[in-house]
C-alpha atoms as a PDB file:
ATOM      1  CA  UNK A   1      12.460  12.134   6.455  1.00  0.00           C
ATOM      2  CA  UNK A   2      13.304   9.116   4.285  1.00  0.00           C
ATOM      3  CA  UNK A   3      11.346   6.040   3.185  1.00  0.00           C
ATOM      4  CA  UNK A   4      12.558   3.063   1.144  1.00  0.00           C
ATOM      5  CA  UNK A   5      10.056   0.953  -0.764  1.00  0.00           C
ATOM      6  CA  UNK A   6      10.464  -2.008  -3.111  1.00  0.00           C
ATOM      7  CA  UNK A   7       8.546  -1.661  -6.368  1.00  0.00           C
ATOM      8  CA  UNK A   8       8.641  -3.804  -9.530  1.00  0.00           C
ATOM      9  CA  UNK A   9      12.040  -5.291  -8.671  1.00  0.00           C
ATOM     10  CA  UNK A  10      13.640  -1.937  -7.868  1.00  0.00           C
ATOM     11  CA  UNK A  11      13.908   0.216  -4.751  1.00  0.00           C
ATOM     12  CA  UNK A  12      12.460   3.707  -4.488  1.00  0.00           C
ATOM     13  CA  UNK A  13      14.034   5.892  -1.823  1.00  0.00           C
ATOM     14  CA  UNK A  14      11.823   8.920  -1.166  1.00  0.00           C
ATOM     15  CA  UNK A  15      13.211  11.880   0.762  1.00  0.00           C
ATOM     16  CA  UNK A  16      11.711  15.109   2.073  1.00  0.00           C
ATOM     17  CA  UNK A  17      13.303  18.139   3.664  1.00  0.00           C
ATOM     18  CA  UNK A  18      11.870  21.193   5.360  1.00  0.00           C
ATOM     19  CA  UNK A  19      12.224  24.502   3.545  1.00  0.00           C
ATOM     20  CA  UNK A  20      13.354  27.666   5.380  1.00  0.00           C
ATOM     21  CA  UNK A  21      10.303  29.598   4.158  1.00  0.00           C
ATOM     22  CA  UNK A  22       7.856  26.857   5.140  1.00  0.00           C
ATOM     23  CA  UNK A  23       6.640  23.709   3.490  1.00  0.00           C
ATOM     24  CA  UNK A  24       8.567  20.667   2.344  1.00  0.00           C
ATOM     25  CA  UNK A  25      10.348  19.658  -0.833  1.00  0.00           C
ATOM     26  CA  UNK A  26      10.705  16.180  -2.186  1.00  0.00           C
ATOM     27  CA  UNK A  27      13.059  13.972  -4.195  1.00  0.00           C
ATOM     28  CA  UNK A  28      13.500  10.294  -4.894  1.00  0.00           C
ATOM     29  CA  UNK A  29      16.013   7.872  -6.279  1.00  0.00           C
ATOM     30  CA  UNK A  30      15.503   4.586  -8.054  1.00  0.00           C
ATOM     31  CA  UNK A  31      17.926   1.781  -7.283  1.00  0.00           C
ATOM     32  CA  UNK A  32      18.476  -1.341  -9.325  1.00  0.00           C
ATOM     33  CA  UNK A  33      20.358  -4.181  -7.648  1.00  0.00           C
ATOM     34  CA  UNK A  34      22.041  -6.830  -9.817  1.00  0.00           C
ATOM     35  CA  UNK A  35      25.179  -8.964  -9.955  1.00  0.00           C
ATOM     36  CA  UNK A  36      27.236  -5.934 -11.026  1.00  0.00           C
ATOM     37  CA  UNK A  37      26.174  -3.960  -7.950  1.00  0.00           C
ATOM     38  CA  UNK A  38      23.737  -1.129  -7.361  1.00  0.00           C
ATOM     39  CA  UNK A  39      22.803   1.511  -9.919  1.00  0.00           C
ATOM     40  CA  UNK A  40      21.044   4.595  -8.581  1.00  0.00           C
ATOM     41  CA  UNK A  41      19.573   7.671 -10.236  1.00  0.00           C
ATOM     42  CA  UNK A  42      18.038  10.636  -8.383  1.00  0.00           C
ATOM     43  CA  UNK A  43      15.087  12.831  -9.387  1.00  0.00           C
ATOM     44  CA  UNK A  44      13.552  16.015  -7.977  1.00  0.00           C
ATOM     45  CA  UNK A  45       9.781  16.310  -7.479  1.00  0.00           C
ATOM     46  CA  UNK A  46       8.634  19.853  -8.336  1.00  0.00           C
ATOM     47  CA  UNK A  47       6.404  21.716  -5.902  1.00  0.00           C
ATOM     48  CA  UNK A  48       6.167  22.580  -2.229  1.00  0.00           C
ATOM     49  CA  UNK A  49       4.246  20.228   0.033  1.00  0.00           C
ATOM     50  CA  UNK A  50       2.377  21.011   3.271  1.00  0.00           C
ATOM     51  CA  UNK A  51       3.976  18.215   5.318  1.00  0.00           C
ATOM     52  CA  UNK A  52       6.841  15.747   5.288  1.00  0.00           C
ATOM     53  CA  UNK A  53       4.351  12.923   4.795  1.00  0.00           C
ATOM     54  CA  UNK A  54       2.771  14.611   1.750  1.00  0.00           C
ATOM     55  CA  UNK A  55       6.227  15.171   0.241  1.00  0.00           C
ATOM     56  CA  UNK A  56       7.164  11.506   0.780  1.00  0.00           C
ATOM     57  CA  UNK A  57       3.873  10.324  -0.718  1.00  0.00           C
ATOM     58  CA  UNK A  58       4.455  12.505  -3.797  1.00  0.00           C
ATOM     59  CA  UNK A  59       7.999  11.143  -4.184  1.00  0.00           C
ATOM     60  CA  UNK A  60       6.904   7.500  -3.922  1.00  0.00           C
ATOM     61  CA  UNK A  61       4.119   8.096  -6.462  1.00  0.00           C
ATOM     62  CA  UNK A  62       6.529   9.871  -8.832  1.00  0.00           C
ATOM     63  CA  UNK A  63       9.007   6.994  -8.466  1.00  0.00           C
ATOM     64  CA  UNK A  64       6.339   4.421  -9.275  1.00  0.00           C
ATOM     65  CA  UNK A  65       5.243   6.443 -12.313  1.00  0.00           C
ATOM     66  CA  UNK A  66       8.858   6.749 -13.497  1.00  0.00           C
ATOM     67  CA  UNK A  67       9.328   2.964 -13.262  1.00  0.00           C
ATOM     68  CA  UNK A  68       5.950   2.276 -14.907  1.00  0.00           C
ATOM     69  CA  UNK A  69       6.886   4.572 -17.809  1.00  0.00           C
ATOM     70  CA  UNK A  70       9.651   2.147 -18.784  1.00  0.00           C
ATOM     71  CA  UNK A  71      12.541   4.048 -17.244  1.00  0.00           C
ATOM     72  CA  UNK A  72      15.864   2.353 -17.998  1.00  0.00           C
ATOM     73  CA  UNK A  73      19.368   3.132 -16.783  1.00  0.00           C
ATOM     74  CA  UNK A  74      22.040   4.035 -19.312  1.00  0.00           C
ATOM     75  CA  UNK A  75      24.066   1.013 -20.391  1.00  0.00           C
ATOM     76  CA  UNK A  76      27.107   0.504 -18.171  1.00  0.00           C
END
């Protein structure tokens, strides 16, 4: 499952995938779009979640927190 959401001028793409042993894992990427193109950086969300929806929600929240913390991309 995948969800894209705009937040504070960036795009959070949250992804979940089903684990073989049950539960769901979660990751997200933050995209910044500018005149030079798109810069993207991916992050893993620790933990196992009971559903795809819970994993997506955790990834979106983690992405928002990462952006709110002042996350910056390395200088190109």
